[in-house]
Amino acid sequence: MFQKRRLLSKASAGFTLVELLVSLGIFAVVTALVLMKHQSFSGGILLTNLAYETALTVRRAQSFGINVKGQGPVFDIWYGVHFDRSKPTEFLLFADSNKNTTYEGTGACDGIDTADECFEKVLIKRNMSFNQLCIAGPSAEDCNRNIINIIFKRPDPEARIYDNDVPGTAYGSVKIVLVASDGRSKNVVVRKTGQISVE
């Protein structure tokens, strides 16, 4: 009888096929959930990194403008960042050497075309882009702007925000709306005071 009990307990000690399949199914579901959350998390980090890279590029233009980074023998140059909604996966850091508050050039940034004011092109990758350029109007926010130039000139750290559609008019702030392929968005806000923030 003792021998029979020992054999019975050894036979029932392992998993049955059904128990094994249920365990594998639970493991597969948990793994799928973790991977989906990981992709969402990493996508959010990439979008946040893009927002900070955009803000830092505007800050570099501000630094160049205040410190008057020379271009050749000329040290009296304005610096700015050019956003064009027709090219939503890039923006340009440029030297406004003729001080007309607009970017004039092809955007090649190759150093060959000396008339091109661009000296750095920032490419937006991984299915992200900016899809809106919003300026603060007198009564409401206007997000139908196509081209915005943010200009800095010495010795003033303040930003001068210009719209190519309305030349000569400076605005109080601009919001650059950056979007990921899944629809999430981050905003980079540049105010006339020179404050640059990520929201």
Protein backbone atom coordinates (compact mmCIF):
# COMPACT_ATOMS: atom_id res chain seq x y z
CA MET A 1 0.00 0.00 0.00
CA PHE A 2 2.84 2.39 0.83
CA GLN A 3 4.45 1.56 -2.55
CA LYS A 4 1.18 2.27 -4.38
CA ARG A 5 0.80 5.70 -2.75
CA ARG A 6 4.36 6.67 -3.73
CA LEU A 7 3.77 5.73 -7.39
CA LEU A 8 0.50 7.69 -7.45
CA SER A 9 2.13 10.87 -6.09
CA LYS A 10 4.97 10.65 -8.65
CA ALA A 11 2.51 10.34 -11.54
CA SER A 12 0.49 13.43 -10.54
CA ALA A 13 3.52 15.65 -9.80
CA GLY A 14 3.94 17.25 -13.31
CA PHE A 15 1.89 19.60 -15.52
CA THR A 16 -0.86 18.26 -17.69
CA LEU A 17 -1.01 19.39 -21.31
CA VAL A 18 -3.93 21.72 -20.58
CA GLU A 19 -2.11 23.36 -17.67
CA LEU A 20 0.96 23.86 -19.83
CA LEU A 21 -1.07 25.46 -22.65
CA VAL A 22 -2.86 27.81 -20.22
CA SER A 23 0.47 28.86 -18.68
CA LEU A 24 1.97 29.55 -22.12
CA GLY A 25 -1.13 31.53 -23.12
CA ILE A 26 -0.90 33.73 -20.01
CA PHE A 27 2.82 34.27 -20.63
CA ALA A 28 2.15 35.28 -24.26
CA VAL A 29 -0.55 37.80 -23.26
CA VAL A 30 1.63 39.38 -20.56
CA THR A 31 4.59 39.59 -22.97
CA ALA A 32 2.44 41.26 -25.65
CA LEU A 33 1.16 43.84 -23.14
CA VAL A 34 4.67 44.64 -21.96
CA LEU A 35 5.92 45.08 -25.53
CA MET A 36 3.02 47.39 -26.44
CA LYS A 37 3.67 49.55 -23.38
CA HIS A 38 7.39 49.61 -24.18
CA GLN A 39 6.75 50.87 -27.73
CA SER A 40 4.39 53.53 -26.42
CA PHE A 41 6.91 54.57 -23.77
CA SER A 42 9.84 54.74 -26.19
CA GLY A 43 7.72 56.67 -28.72
CA GLY A 44 6.92 59.22 -26.03
CA ILE A 45 10.60 59.56 -25.16
CA LEU A 46 11.53 60.11 -28.82
CA LEU A 47 8.88 62.84 -29.16
CA THR A 48 10.09 64.53 -25.99
CA ASN A 49 13.69 64.36 -27.25
CA LEU A 50 12.61 65.99 -30.52
CA ALA A 51 10.87 68.79 -28.61
CA TYR A 52 13.99 69.45 -26.56
CA GLU A 53 16.21 69.31 -29.66
CA THR A 54 13.95 71.91 -31.31
CA ALA A 55 14.06 74.13 -28.21
CA LEU A 56 17.86 73.79 -28.02
CA THR A 57 18.21 74.78 -31.69
CA VAL A 58 16.23 77.96 -30.99
CA ARG A 59 18.42 78.52 -27.92
CA ARG A 60 21.55 78.15 -30.09
CA ALA A 61 20.24 80.82 -32.47
CA GLN A 62 19.64 83.04 -29.44
CA SER A 63 23.17 82.40 -28.18
CA PHE A 64 24.66 83.09 -31.62
CA GLY A 65 22.65 86.30 -31.90
CA ILE A 66 23.62 87.59 -28.47
CA ASN A 67 27.28 86.62 -28.78
CA VAL A 68 27.43 87.60 -32.45
CA LYS A 69 28.93 84.49 -33.94
CA GLY A 70 30.93 85.75 -36.88
CA GLN A 71 30.43 84.62 -40.41
CA GLY A 72 33.65 85.30 -42.28
CA PRO A 73 34.88 88.81 -41.49
CA VAL A 74 31.37 90.02 -40.57
CA PHE A 75 30.28 90.04 -36.91
CA ASP A 76 27.08 92.09 -37.15
CA ILE A 77 24.66 89.32 -38.12
CA TRP A 78 21.23 88.31 -36.89
CA TYR A 79 20.54 84.62 -36.29
CA GLY A 80 17.32 82.70 -36.46
CA VAL A 81 15.40 79.48 -36.95
CA HIS A 82 13.22 78.97 -40.02
CA PHE A 83 10.12 76.73 -39.94
CA ASP A 84 8.23 75.99 -43.17
CA ARG A 85 5.08 73.83 -43.05
CA SER A 86 5.66 72.68 -46.63
CA LYS A 87 8.76 70.88 -45.25
CA PRO A 88 7.45 69.42 -41.98
CA THR A 89 10.39 67.07 -41.38
CA GLU A 90 13.11 69.73 -41.21
CA PHE A 91 13.88 73.20 -39.95
CA LEU A 92 16.86 75.48 -40.49
CA LEU A 93 19.26 77.43 -38.33
CA PHE A 94 20.28 80.43 -40.42
CA ALA A 95 22.25 83.67 -40.40
CA ASP A 96 20.11 86.63 -41.47
CA SER A 97 23.07 88.49 -42.93
CA ASN A 98 20.98 91.08 -44.80
CA LYS A 99 18.77 91.68 -41.70
CA ASN A 100 15.44 91.46 -43.49
CA THR A 101 13.91 89.01 -40.94
CA THR A 102 13.28 86.35 -43.59
CA TYR A 103 15.22 83.30 -44.63
CA GLU A 104 16.51 83.52 -48.19
CA GLY A 105 17.99 80.42 -49.65
CA THR A 106 17.42 76.99 -51.04
CA GLY A 107 17.75 75.15 -47.75
CA ALA A 108 20.53 72.96 -49.14
CA CYS A 109 22.89 73.93 -46.30
CA ASP A 110 25.79 72.50 -48.25
CA GLY A 111 28.20 75.45 -47.93
CA ILE A 112 28.51 75.64 -51.72
CA ASP A 113 25.80 78.23 -52.34
CA THR A 114 27.24 81.37 -50.71
CA ALA A 115 23.94 83.26 -51.11
CA ASP A 116 22.14 80.65 -49.00
CA GLU A 117 21.85 81.95 -45.44
CA CYS A 118 21.39 78.45 -43.99
CA PHE A 119 24.23 76.97 -42.00
CA GLU A 120 22.53 74.00 -40.34
CA LYS A 121 19.58 71.82 -41.30
CA VAL A 122 17.87 69.80 -38.57
CA LEU A 123 16.14 66.69 -39.90
CA ILE A 124 13.18 65.21 -38.03
CA LYS A 125 13.17 61.41 -38.25
CA ARG A 126 11.20 58.37 -37.02
CA ASN A 127 7.82 59.34 -38.51
CA MET A 128 7.64 62.59 -36.56
CA SER A 129 7.11 66.12 -37.86
CA PHE A 130 5.75 69.52 -36.94
CA ASN A 131 2.25 70.07 -38.24
CA GLN A 132 1.25 73.47 -36.88
CA LEU A 133 2.83 76.85 -36.37
CA CYS A 134 0.66 78.91 -34.03
CA ILE A 135 1.06 82.58 -33.17
CA ALA A 136 -0.65 84.43 -30.37
CA GLY A 137 -3.06 86.88 -31.90
CA PRO A 138 -4.80 89.79 -30.18
CA SER A 139 -7.87 87.71 -29.32
CA ALA A 140 -7.04 84.06 -30.07
CA GLU A 141 -4.33 81.70 -31.22
CA ASP A 142 -3.87 81.41 -34.99
CA CYS A 143 -2.48 78.04 -36.10
CA ASN A 144 -2.73 78.57 -39.87
CA ARG A 145 0.75 80.01 -40.37
CA ASN A 146 2.94 78.51 -43.09
CA ILE A 147 6.38 80.03 -42.50
CA ILE A 148 7.74 81.38 -39.22
CA ASN A 149 11.17 82.90 -38.61
CA ILE A 150 12.42 83.38 -35.05
CA ILE A 151 15.19 86.00 -35.10
CA PHE A 152 17.71 87.09 -32.45
CA LYS A 153 19.96 90.14 -32.74
CA ARG A 154 22.60 91.62 -30.53
CA PRO A 155 22.61 92.62 -27.71
CA ASP A 156 18.99 91.73 -27.05
CA PRO A 157 18.04 88.20 -25.87
CA GLU A 158 14.43 88.81 -26.93
CA ALA A 159 12.97 86.82 -29.79
CA ARG A 160 11.54 88.53 -32.83
CA ILE A 161 8.89 86.28 -34.34
CA TYR A 162 7.98 86.98 -37.96
CA ASP A 163 5.55 85.43 -40.38
CA ASN A 164 6.51 85.48 -44.06
CA ASP A 165 2.84 85.95 -45.00
CA VAL A 166 2.71 89.26 -43.08
CA PRO A 167 6.18 90.85 -43.52
CA GLY A 168 7.37 93.31 -40.90
CA THR A 169 4.87 92.26 -38.22
CA ALA A 170 6.44 90.81 -35.07
CA TYR A 171 4.36 88.57 -32.81
CA GLY A 172 4.38 87.93 -29.07
CA SER A 173 4.88 84.16 -29.18
CA VAL A 174 4.93 81.13 -31.42
CA LYS A 175 3.99 77.53 -30.66
CA ILE A 176 5.56 74.77 -32.76
CA VAL A 177 3.37 71.66 -32.53
CA LEU A 178 5.41 68.45 -32.97
CA VAL A 179 3.53 65.21 -33.64
CA ALA A 180 4.41 61.51 -33.66
CA SER A 181 2.92 58.92 -36.01
CA ASP A 182 0.54 57.71 -33.28
CA GLY A 183 -0.99 61.19 -32.88
CA ARG A 184 0.75 62.26 -29.68
CA SER A 185 2.05 65.81 -29.65
CA LYS A 186 4.45 68.12 -27.81
CA ASN A 187 4.67 71.89 -28.08
CA VAL A 188 7.72 74.12 -28.17
CA VAL A 189 6.75 77.67 -27.22
CA VAL A 190 9.00 80.65 -27.90
CA ARG A 191 7.93 83.95 -26.34
CA LYS A 192 8.98 87.46 -27.28
CA THR A 193 10.86 87.74 -23.98
CA GLY A 194 13.26 85.04 -25.18
CA GLN A 195 11.78 82.31 -23.00
CA ILE A 196 11.77 78.91 -24.70
CA SER A 197 9.72 76.10 -23.16
CA VAL A 198 8.54 72.58 -23.92
CA GLU A 199 4.91 71.85 -23.03
